[in-house]
Amino acid sequence: MKKLTLLAAAAVGYVLGSRAGRERYEQIKAGATKIAQDPRVRAKASEAGQTIKEQAPHVRDKVVETASSATAAAKEKVGSHSSGADQSTPYPQS
């Protein structure tokens, strides 16, 4: 999948940065369409989509866990640096 992304990016860069004209653009477009229609590419794309669906809950749980840990660590640091501060008024009062 990474190779396909790289090739697509290279093709887009070439088309946008070259002076080859419409004919070369059409050749690249036809090649990209042919690759996209390849059953092996479609199978890998489907496989990647399924893997993403399966892993999304695990990733979400890990993000929540990491964010909670970071929040707790930040609260601990702030609490240790403001030991004499009045926590009931967190912002300066005018």
PDB file of N, CA and C in Angstrom:
ATOM      1  N   MET A   1       0.834  -1.188   0.000  1.00  0.00           N
ATOM      2  CA  MET A   1       0.000   0.000   0.000  1.00  0.00           C
ATOM      3  C   MET A   1       0.877   1.249   0.000  1.00  0.00           C
ATOM      4  N   LYS A   2       2.000   1.180   0.724  1.00  0.00           N
ATOM      5  CA  LYS A   2       2.896   2.332   0.764  1.00  0.00           C
ATOM      6  C   LYS A   2       3.488   2.608  -0.616  1.00  0.00           C
ATOM      7  N   LYS A   3       3.786   1.528  -1.339  1.00  0.00           N
ATOM      8  CA  LYS A   3       4.348   1.698  -2.677  1.00  0.00           C
ATOM      9  C   LYS A   3       3.337   2.370  -3.603  1.00  0.00           C
ATOM     10  N   LEU A   4       2.087   1.949  -3.473  1.00  0.00           N
ATOM     11  CA  LEU A   4       1.040   2.534  -4.313  1.00  0.00           C
ATOM     12  C   LEU A   4       0.885   4.019  -4.022  1.00  0.00           C
ATOM     13  N   THR A   5       0.915   4.374  -2.753  1.00  0.00           N
ATOM     14  CA  THR A   5       0.806   5.781  -2.370  1.00  0.00           C
ATOM     15  C   THR A   5       1.988   6.570  -2.917  1.00  0.00           C
ATOM     16  N   LEU A   6       3.165   5.994  -2.809  1.00  0.00           N
ATOM     17  CA  LEU A   6       4.362   6.657  -3.325  1.00  0.00           C
ATOM     18  C   LEU A   6       4.263   6.855  -4.835  1.00  0.00           C
ATOM     19  N   LEU A   7       3.839   5.820  -5.531  1.00  0.00           N
ATOM     20  CA  LEU A   7       3.714   5.934  -6.988  1.00  0.00           C
ATOM     21  C   LEU A   7       2.661   6.969  -7.378  1.00  0.00           C
ATOM     22  N   ALA A   8       1.557   6.973  -6.660  1.00  0.00           N
ATOM     23  CA  ALA A   8       0.509   7.955  -6.957  1.00  0.00           C
ATOM     24  C   ALA A   8       1.017   9.370  -6.717  1.00  0.00           C
ATOM     25  N   ALA A   9       1.725   9.567  -5.609  1.00  0.00           N
ATOM     26  CA  ALA A   9       2.267  10.891  -5.307  1.00  0.00           C
ATOM     27  C   ALA A   9       3.290  11.313  -6.359  1.00  0.00           C
ATOM     28  N   ALA A  10       4.115  10.376  -6.784  1.00  0.00           N
ATOM     29  CA  ALA A  10       5.109  10.682  -7.811  1.00  0.00           C
ATOM     30  C   ALA A  10       4.424  11.055  -9.126  1.00  0.00           C
ATOM     31  N   ALA A  11       3.384  10.335  -9.475  1.00  0.00           N
ATOM     32  CA  ALA A  11       2.658  10.631 -10.714  1.00  0.00           C
ATOM     33  C   ALA A  11       2.014  12.006 -10.657  1.00  0.00           C
ATOM     34  N   VAL A  12       1.396  12.322  -9.537  1.00  0.00           N
ATOM     35  CA  VAL A  12       0.769  13.638  -9.385  1.00  0.00           C
ATOM     36  C   VAL A  12       1.828  14.732  -9.467  1.00  0.00           C
ATOM     37  N   GLY A  13       2.941  14.532  -8.780  1.00  0.00           N
ATOM     38  CA  GLY A  13       4.026  15.514  -8.824  1.00  0.00           C
ATOM     39  C   GLY A  13       4.560  15.705 -10.230  1.00  0.00           C
ATOM     40  N   TYR A  14       4.699  14.605 -10.943  1.00  0.00           N
ATOM     41  CA  TYR A  14       5.193  14.693 -12.311  1.00  0.00           C
ATOM     42  C   TYR A  14       4.220  15.478 -13.182  1.00  0.00           C
ATOM     43  N   VAL A  15       2.954  15.142 -13.073  1.00  0.00           N
ATOM     44  CA  VAL A  15       1.943  15.816 -13.899  1.00  0.00           C
ATOM     45  C   VAL A  15       1.905  17.302 -13.587  1.00  0.00           C
ATOM     46  N   LEU A  16       1.903  17.628 -12.305  1.00  0.00           N
ATOM     47  CA  LEU A  16       1.812  19.033 -11.924  1.00  0.00           C
ATOM     48  C   LEU A  16       3.096  19.804 -12.221  1.00  0.00           C
ATOM     49  N   GLY A  17       4.223  19.125 -12.174  1.00  0.00           N
ATOM     50  CA  GLY A  17       5.490  19.824 -12.335  1.00  0.00           C
ATOM     51  C   GLY A  17       6.103  19.733 -13.719  1.00  0.00           C
ATOM     52  N   SER A  18       5.517  18.983 -14.591  1.00  0.00           N
ATOM     53  CA  SER A  18       6.141  18.803 -15.904  1.00  0.00           C
ATOM     54  C   SER A  18       5.478  19.662 -16.973  1.00  0.00           C
ATOM     55  N   ARG A  19       6.110  19.638 -18.091  1.00  0.00           N
ATOM     56  CA  ARG A  19       5.561  20.354 -19.246  1.00  0.00           C
ATOM     57  C   ARG A  19       5.199  19.359 -20.343  1.00  0.00           C
ATOM     58  N   ALA A  20       4.940  18.134 -19.926  1.00  0.00           N
ATOM     59  CA  ALA A  20       4.684  17.075 -20.899  1.00  0.00           C
ATOM     60  C   ALA A  20       3.360  17.252 -21.620  1.00  0.00           C
ATOM     61  N   GLY A  21       2.455  17.963 -21.006  1.00  0.00           N
ATOM     62  CA  GLY A  21       1.199  18.251 -21.686  1.00  0.00           C
ATOM     63  C   GLY A  21       0.114  17.230 -21.440  1.00  0.00           C
ATOM     64  N   ARG A  22      -0.966  17.439 -22.134  1.00  0.00           N
ATOM     65  CA  ARG A  22      -2.180  16.649 -21.937  1.00  0.00           C
ATOM     66  C   ARG A  22      -1.978  15.178 -22.296  1.00  0.00           C
ATOM     67  N   GLU A  23      -1.209  14.914 -23.335  1.00  0.00           N
ATOM     68  CA  GLU A  23      -1.013  13.530 -23.772  1.00  0.00           C
ATOM     69  C   GLU A  23      -0.360  12.696 -22.672  1.00  0.00           C
ATOM     70  N   ARG A  24       0.683  13.221 -22.069  1.00  0.00           N
ATOM     71  CA  ARG A  24       1.370  12.500 -20.990  1.00  0.00           C
ATOM     72  C   ARG A  24       0.451  12.364 -19.779  1.00  0.00           C
ATOM     73  N   TYR A  25      -0.317  13.381 -19.493  1.00  0.00           N
ATOM     74  CA  TYR A  25      -1.278  13.325 -18.397  1.00  0.00           C
ATOM     75  C   TYR A  25      -2.263  12.178 -18.621  1.00  0.00           C
ATOM     76  N   GLU A  26      -2.767  12.060 -19.841  1.00  0.00           N
ATOM     77  CA  GLU A  26      -3.722  10.992 -20.155  1.00  0.00           C
ATOM     78  C   GLU A  26      -3.075   9.618 -20.014  1.00  0.00           C
ATOM     79  N   GLN A  27      -1.795   9.496 -20.391  1.00  0.00           N
ATOM     80  CA  GLN A  27      -1.088   8.224 -20.226  1.00  0.00           C
ATOM     81  C   GLN A  27      -0.978   7.854 -18.749  1.00  0.00           C
ATOM     82  N   ILE A  28      -0.610   8.823 -17.942  1.00  0.00           N
ATOM     83  CA  ILE A  28      -0.478   8.578 -16.502  1.00  0.00           C
ATOM     84  C   ILE A  28      -1.838   8.240 -15.902  1.00  0.00           C
ATOM     85  N   LYS A  29      -2.851   8.951 -16.314  1.00  0.00           N
ATOM     86  CA  LYS A  29      -4.205   8.702 -15.814  1.00  0.00           C
ATOM     87  C   LYS A  29      -4.654   7.284 -16.175  1.00  0.00           C
ATOM     88  N   ALA A  30      -4.389   6.865 -17.404  1.00  0.00           N
ATOM     89  CA  ALA A  30      -4.761   5.515 -17.840  1.00  0.00           C
ATOM     90  C   ALA A  30      -4.005   4.467 -17.029  1.00  0.00           C
ATOM     91  N   GLY A  31      -2.733   4.724 -16.774  1.00  0.00           N
ATOM     92  CA  GLY A  31      -1.940   3.791 -15.965  1.00  0.00           C
ATOM     93  C   GLY A  31      -2.456   3.693 -14.542  1.00  0.00           C
ATOM     94  N   ALA A  32      -2.805   4.830 -13.976  1.00  0.00           N
ATOM     95  CA  ALA A  32      -3.333   4.842 -12.610  1.00  0.00           C
ATOM     96  C   ALA A  32      -4.668   4.111 -12.547  1.00  0.00           C
ATOM     97  N   THR A  33      -5.499   4.309 -13.550  1.00  0.00           N
ATOM     98  CA  THR A  33      -6.789   3.617 -13.593  1.00  0.00           C
ATOM     99  C   THR A  33      -6.586   2.114 -13.711  1.00  0.00           C
ATOM    100  N   LYS A  34      -5.644   1.719 -14.536  1.00  0.00           N
ATOM    101  CA  LYS A  34      -5.343   0.295 -14.707  1.00  0.00           C
ATOM    102  C   LYS A  34      -4.879  -0.311 -13.386  1.00  0.00           C
ATOM    103  N   ILE A  35      -4.017   0.399 -12.676  1.00  0.00           N
ATOM    104  CA  ILE A  35      -3.531  -0.090 -11.380  1.00  0.00           C
ATOM    105  C   ILE A  35      -4.680  -0.175 -10.388  1.00  0.00           C
ATOM    106  N   ALA A  36      -5.509   0.843 -10.361  1.00  0.00           N
ATOM    107  CA  ALA A  36      -6.627   0.869  -9.412  1.00  0.00           C
ATOM    108  C   ALA A  36      -7.622  -0.255  -9.686  1.00  0.00           C
ATOM    109  N   GLN A  37      -7.742  -0.682 -10.927  1.00  0.00           N
ATOM    110  CA  GLN A  37      -8.680  -1.748 -11.284  1.00  0.00           C
ATOM    111  C   GLN A  37      -8.082  -3.143 -11.102  1.00  0.00           C
ATOM    112  N   ASP A  38      -6.792  -3.225 -10.847  1.00  0.00           N
ATOM    113  CA  ASP A  38      -6.124  -4.515 -10.673  1.00  0.00           C
ATOM    114  C   ASP A  38      -6.725  -5.250  -9.469  1.00  0.00           C
ATOM    115  N   PRO A  39      -7.125  -6.503  -9.653  1.00  0.00           N
ATOM    116  CA  PRO A  39      -7.727  -7.252  -8.547  1.00  0.00           C
ATOM    117  C   PRO A  39      -6.812  -7.372  -7.323  1.00  0.00           C
ATOM    118  N   ARG A  40      -5.513  -7.461  -7.546  1.00  0.00           N
ATOM    119  CA  ARG A  40      -4.582  -7.557  -6.411  1.00  0.00           C
ATOM    120  C   ARG A  40      -4.587  -6.267  -5.602  1.00  0.00           C
ATOM    121  N   VAL A  41      -4.625  -5.133  -6.287  1.00  0.00           N
ATOM    122  CA  VAL A  41      -4.665  -3.842  -5.600  1.00  0.00           C
ATOM    123  C   VAL A  41      -5.983  -3.700  -4.851  1.00  0.00           C
ATOM    124  N   ARG A  42      -7.068  -4.080  -5.490  1.00  0.00           N
ATOM    125  CA  ARG A  42      -8.379  -4.003  -4.832  1.00  0.00           C
ATOM    126  C   ARG A  42      -8.432  -4.907  -3.597  1.00  0.00           C
ATOM    127  N   ALA A  43      -7.844  -6.093  -3.710  1.00  0.00           N
ATOM    128  CA  ALA A  43      -7.836  -7.021  -2.571  1.00  0.00           C
ATOM    129  C   ALA A  43      -7.041  -6.437  -1.408  1.00  0.00           C
ATOM    130  N   LYS A  44      -5.891  -5.860  -1.714  1.00  0.00           N
ATOM    131  CA  LYS A  44      -5.065  -5.259  -0.655  1.00  0.00           C
ATOM    132  C   LYS A  44      -5.761  -4.054  -0.037  1.00  0.00           C
ATOM    133  N   ALA A  45      -6.434  -3.257  -0.839  1.00  0.00           N
ATOM    134  CA  ALA A  45      -7.157  -2.101  -0.309  1.00  0.00           C
ATOM    135  C   ALA A  45      -8.288  -2.560   0.604  1.00  0.00           C
ATOM    136  N   SER A  46      -8.982  -3.604   0.201  1.00  0.00           N
ATOM    137  CA  SER A  46     -10.054  -4.151   1.031  1.00  0.00           C
ATOM    138  C   SER A  46      -9.490  -4.712   2.329  1.00  0.00           C
ATOM    139  N   GLU A  47      -8.372  -5.401   2.223  1.00  0.00           N
ATOM    140  CA  GLU A  47      -7.700  -5.959   3.406  1.00  0.00           C
ATOM    141  C   GLU A  47      -7.276  -4.838   4.358  1.00  0.00           C
ATOM    142  N   ALA A  48      -6.745  -3.775   3.806  1.00  0.00           N
ATOM    143  CA  ALA A  48      -6.332  -2.635   4.636  1.00  0.00           C
ATOM    144  C   ALA A  48      -7.538  -2.008   5.328  1.00  0.00           C
ATOM    145  N   GLY A  49      -8.633  -1.868   4.619  1.00  0.00           N
ATOM    146  CA  GLY A  49      -9.849  -1.315   5.213  1.00  0.00           C
ATOM    147  C   GLY A  49     -10.368  -2.182   6.343  1.00  0.00           C
ATOM    148  N   GLN A  50     -10.321  -3.494   6.152  1.00  0.00           N
ATOM    149  CA  GLN A  50     -10.775  -4.418   7.191  1.00  0.00           C
ATOM    150  C   GLN A  50      -9.868  -4.331   8.416  1.00  0.00           C
ATOM    151  N   THR A  51      -8.570  -4.247   8.195  1.00  0.00           N
ATOM    152  CA  THR A  51      -7.626  -4.130   9.306  1.00  0.00           C
ATOM    153  C   THR A  51      -7.886  -2.853  10.091  1.00  0.00           C
ATOM    154  N   ILE A  52      -8.160  -1.778   9.392  1.00  0.00           N
ATOM    155  CA  ILE A  52      -8.456  -0.505  10.063  1.00  0.00           C
ATOM    156  C   ILE A  52      -9.712  -0.644  10.915  1.00  0.00           C
ATOM    157  N   LYS A  53     -10.745  -1.275  10.373  1.00  0.00           N
ATOM    158  CA  LYS A  53     -11.984  -1.468  11.139  1.00  0.00           C
ATOM    159  C   LYS A  53     -11.735  -2.302  12.393  1.00  0.00           C
ATOM    160  N   GLU A  54     -10.898  -3.326  12.263  1.00  0.00           N
ATOM    161  CA  GLU A  54     -10.615  -4.201  13.403  1.00  0.00           C
ATOM    162  C   GLU A  54      -9.769  -3.501  14.458  1.00  0.00           C
ATOM    163  N   GLN A  55      -8.831  -2.683  14.026  1.00  0.00           N
ATOM    164  CA  GLN A  55      -7.886  -2.066  14.952  1.00  0.00           C
ATOM    165  C   GLN A  55      -8.385  -0.755  15.541  1.00  0.00           C
ATOM    166  N   ALA A  56      -9.395  -0.146  14.959  1.00  0.00           N
ATOM    167  CA  ALA A  56      -9.868   1.160  15.434  1.00  0.00           C
ATOM    168  C   ALA A  56     -10.226   1.167  16.917  1.00  0.00           C
ATOM    169  N   PRO A  57     -10.945   0.172  17.440  1.00  0.00           N
ATOM    170  CA  PRO A  57     -11.245   0.202  18.881  1.00  0.00           C
ATOM    171  C   PRO A  57      -9.992   0.128  19.748  1.00  0.00           C
ATOM    172  N   HIS A  58      -9.009  -0.664  19.315  1.00  0.00           N
ATOM    173  CA  HIS A  58      -7.767  -0.779  20.078  1.00  0.00           C
ATOM    174  C   HIS A  58      -7.003   0.544  20.071  1.00  0.00           C
ATOM    175  N   VAL A  59      -6.979   1.183  18.921  1.00  0.00           N
ATOM    176  CA  VAL A  59      -6.297   2.478  18.807  1.00  0.00           C
ATOM    177  C   VAL A  59      -7.007   3.516  19.669  1.00  0.00           C
ATOM    178  N   ARG A  60      -8.333   3.530  19.611  1.00  0.00           N
ATOM    179  CA  ARG A  60      -9.105   4.465  20.437  1.00  0.00           C
ATOM    180  C   ARG A  60      -8.793   4.264  21.918  1.00  0.00           C
ATOM    181  N   ASP A  61      -8.785   3.010  22.367  1.00  0.00           N
ATOM    182  CA  ASP A  61      -8.497   2.729  23.776  1.00  0.00           C
ATOM    183  C   ASP A  61      -7.101   3.204  24.162  1.00  0.00           C
ATOM    184  N   LYS A  62      -6.139   2.989  23.284  1.00  0.00           N
ATOM    185  CA  LYS A  62      -4.763   3.410  23.563  1.00  0.00           C
ATOM    186  C   LYS A  62      -4.664   4.932  23.620  1.00  0.00           C
ATOM    187  N   VAL A  63      -5.371   5.618  22.731  1.00  0.00           N
ATOM    188  CA  VAL A  63      -5.367   7.088  22.739  1.00  0.00           C
ATOM    189  C   VAL A  63      -5.973   7.606  24.032  1.00  0.00           C
ATOM    190  N   VAL A  64      -7.084   7.017  24.450  1.00  0.00           N
ATOM    191  CA  VAL A  64      -7.727   7.441  25.697  1.00  0.00           C
ATOM    192  C   VAL A  64      -6.793   7.198  26.875  1.00  0.00           C
ATOM    193  N   GLU A  65      -6.160   6.040  26.899  1.00  0.00           N
ATOM    194  CA  GLU A  65      -5.226   5.710  27.980  1.00  0.00           C
ATOM    195  C   GLU A  65      -4.058   6.690  28.019  1.00  0.00           C
ATOM    196  N   THR A  66      -3.479   6.975  26.865  1.00  0.00           N
ATOM    197  CA  THR A  66      -2.345   7.893  26.793  1.00  0.00           C
ATOM    198  C   THR A  66      -2.755   9.306  27.182  1.00  0.00           C
ATOM    199  N   ALA A  67      -3.909   9.744  26.719  1.00  0.00           N
ATOM    200  CA  ALA A  67      -4.386  11.085  27.071  1.00  0.00           C
ATOM    201  C   ALA A  67      -4.655  11.186  28.569  1.00  0.00           C
ATOM    202  N   SER A  68      -5.218  10.147  29.149  1.00  0.00           N
ATOM    203  CA  SER A  68      -5.475  10.150  30.590  1.00  0.00           C
ATOM    204  C   SER A  68      -4.175  10.216  31.377  1.00  0.00           C
ATOM    205  N   SER A  69      -3.185   9.451  30.939  1.00  0.00           N
ATOM    206  CA  SER A  69      -1.879   9.475  31.604  1.00  0.00           C
ATOM    207  C   SER A  69      -1.238  10.851  31.493  1.00  0.00           C
ATOM    208  N   ALA A  70      -1.328  11.449  30.315  1.00  0.00           N
ATOM    209  CA  ALA A  70      -0.746  12.776  30.114  1.00  0.00           C
ATOM    210  C   ALA A  70      -1.462  13.814  30.968  1.00  0.00           C
ATOM    211  N   THR A  71      -2.776  13.702  31.059  1.00  0.00           N
ATOM    212  CA  THR A  71      -3.550  14.632  31.883  1.00  0.00           C
ATOM    213  C   THR A  71      -3.168  14.498  33.344  1.00  0.00           C
ATOM    214  N   ALA A  72      -3.060  13.268  33.815  1.00  0.00           N
ATOM    215  CA  ALA A  72      -2.681  13.033  35.211  1.00  0.00           C
ATOM    216  C   ALA A  72      -1.283  13.572  35.490  1.00  0.00           C
ATOM    217  N   ALA A  73      -0.355  13.352  34.570  1.00  0.00           N
ATOM    218  CA  ALA A  73       1.010  13.844  34.747  1.00  0.00           C
ATOM    219  C   ALA A  73       1.034  15.369  34.764  1.00  0.00           C
ATOM    220  N   ALA A  74       0.258  15.991  33.895  1.00  0.00           N
ATOM    221  CA  ALA A  74       0.215  17.455  33.857  1.00  0.00           C
ATOM    222  C   ALA A  74      -0.387  18.012  35.141  1.00  0.00           C
ATOM    223  N   LYS A  75      -1.455  17.393  35.622  1.00  0.00           N
ATOM    224  CA  LYS A  75      -2.070  17.848  36.869  1.00  0.00           C
ATOM    225  C   LYS A  75      -1.100  17.708  38.031  1.00  0.00           C
ATOM    226  N   GLU A  76      -0.344  16.619  38.034  1.00  0.00           N
ATOM    227  CA  GLU A  76       0.634  16.399  39.098  1.00  0.00           C
ATOM    228  C   GLU A  76       1.716  17.472  39.061  1.00  0.00           C
ATOM    229  N   LYS A  77       2.198  17.783  37.870  1.00  0.00           N
ATOM    230  CA  LYS A  77       3.240  18.814  37.740  1.00  0.00           C
ATOM    231  C   LYS A  77       2.712  20.177  38.158  1.00  0.00           C
ATOM    232  N   VAL A  78       1.533  20.526  37.695  1.00  0.00           N
ATOM    233  CA  VAL A  78       0.947  21.819  38.037  1.00  0.00           C
ATOM    234  C   VAL A  78       0.697  21.892  39.531  1.00  0.00           C
ATOM    235  N   GLY A  79       0.186  20.822  40.098  1.00  0.00           N
ATOM    236  CA  GLY A  79      -0.082  20.786  41.530  1.00  0.00           C
ATOM    237  C   GLY A  79       1.174  20.941  42.359  1.00  0.00           C
ATOM    238  N   SER A  80       2.280  20.353  41.927  1.00  0.00           N
ATOM    239  CA  SER A  80       3.521  20.442  42.702  1.00  0.00           C
ATOM    240  C   SER A  80       4.165  21.819  42.581  1.00  0.00           C
ATOM    241  N   HIS A  81       3.882  22.545  41.516  1.00  0.00           N
ATOM    242  CA  HIS A  81       4.464  23.878  41.331  1.00  0.00           C
ATOM    243  C   HIS A  81       3.614  24.981  41.938  1.00  0.00           C
ATOM    244  N   SER A  82       2.384  24.666  42.261  1.00  0.00           N
ATOM    245  CA  SER A  82       1.512  25.701  42.813  1.00  0.00           C
ATOM    246  C   SER A  82       0.991  25.276  44.184  1.00  0.00           C
ATOM    247  N   SER A  83       1.894  24.789  45.019  1.00  0.00           N
ATOM    248  CA  SER A  83       1.484  24.242  46.312  1.00  0.00           C
ATOM    249  C   SER A  83       0.814  25.284  47.199  1.00  0.00           C
ATOM    250  N   GLY A  84       1.185  26.556  47.085  1.00  0.00           N
ATOM    251  CA  GLY A  84       0.585  27.589  47.915  1.00  0.00           C
ATOM    252  C   GLY A  84      -0.525  28.347  47.225  1.00  0.00           C
ATOM    253  N   ALA A  85      -0.839  27.989  45.998  1.00  0.00           N
ATOM    254  CA  ALA A  85      -1.845  28.733  45.234  1.00  0.00           C
ATOM    255  C   ALA A  85      -3.251  28.328  45.648  1.00  0.00           C
ATOM    256  N   ASP A  86      -4.153  29.254  45.517  1.00  0.00           N
ATOM    257  CA  ASP A  86      -5.560  29.014  45.810  1.00  0.00           C
ATOM    258  C   ASP A  86      -6.196  28.378  44.574  1.00  0.00           C
ATOM    259  N   GLN A  87      -6.545  27.101  44.647  1.00  0.00           N
ATOM    260  CA  GLN A  87      -7.092  26.369  43.506  1.00  0.00           C
ATOM    261  C   GLN A  87      -8.536  26.739  43.200  1.00  0.00           C
ATOM    262  N   SER A  88      -9.211  27.425  44.125  1.00  0.00           N
ATOM    263  CA  SER A  88     -10.607  27.772  43.873  1.00  0.00           C
ATOM    264  C   SER A  88     -10.741  28.887  42.841  1.00  0.00           C
ATOM    265  N   THR A  89      -9.692  29.675  42.633  1.00  0.00           N
ATOM    266  CA  THR A  89      -9.698  30.723  41.611  1.00  0.00           C
ATOM    267  C   THR A  89      -8.500  30.502  40.701  1.00  0.00           C
ATOM    268  N   PRO A  90      -8.663  29.646  39.661  1.00  0.00           N
ATOM    269  CA  PRO A  90      -7.530  29.287  38.815  1.00  0.00           C
ATOM    270  C   PRO A  90      -7.023  30.417  37.925  1.00  0.00           C
ATOM    271  N   TYR A  91      -7.828  31.451  37.702  1.00  0.00           N
ATOM    272  CA  TYR A  91      -7.416  32.545  36.836  1.00  0.00           C
ATOM    273  C   TYR A  91      -7.266  33.817  37.667  1.00  0.00           C
ATOM    274  N   PRO A  92      -6.378  34.689  37.264  1.00  0.00           N
ATOM    275  CA  PRO A  92      -6.224  35.955  37.998  1.00  0.00           C
ATOM    276  C   PRO A  92      -7.538  36.737  38.004  1.00  0.00           C
ATOM    277  N   GLN A  93      -7.868  37.253  39.133  1.00  0.00           N
ATOM    278  CA  GLN A  93      -9.088  38.052  39.272  1.00  0.00           C
ATOM    279  C   GLN A  93      -8.733  39.529  39.160  1.00  0.00           C
ATOM    280  N   SER A  94      -9.541  40.293  38.452  1.00  0.00           N
ATOM    281  CA  SER A  94      -9.246  41.716  38.290  1.00  0.00           C
ATOM    282  C   SER A  94     -10.069  42.564  39.208  1.00  0.00           C
TER     283      SER A  94
END
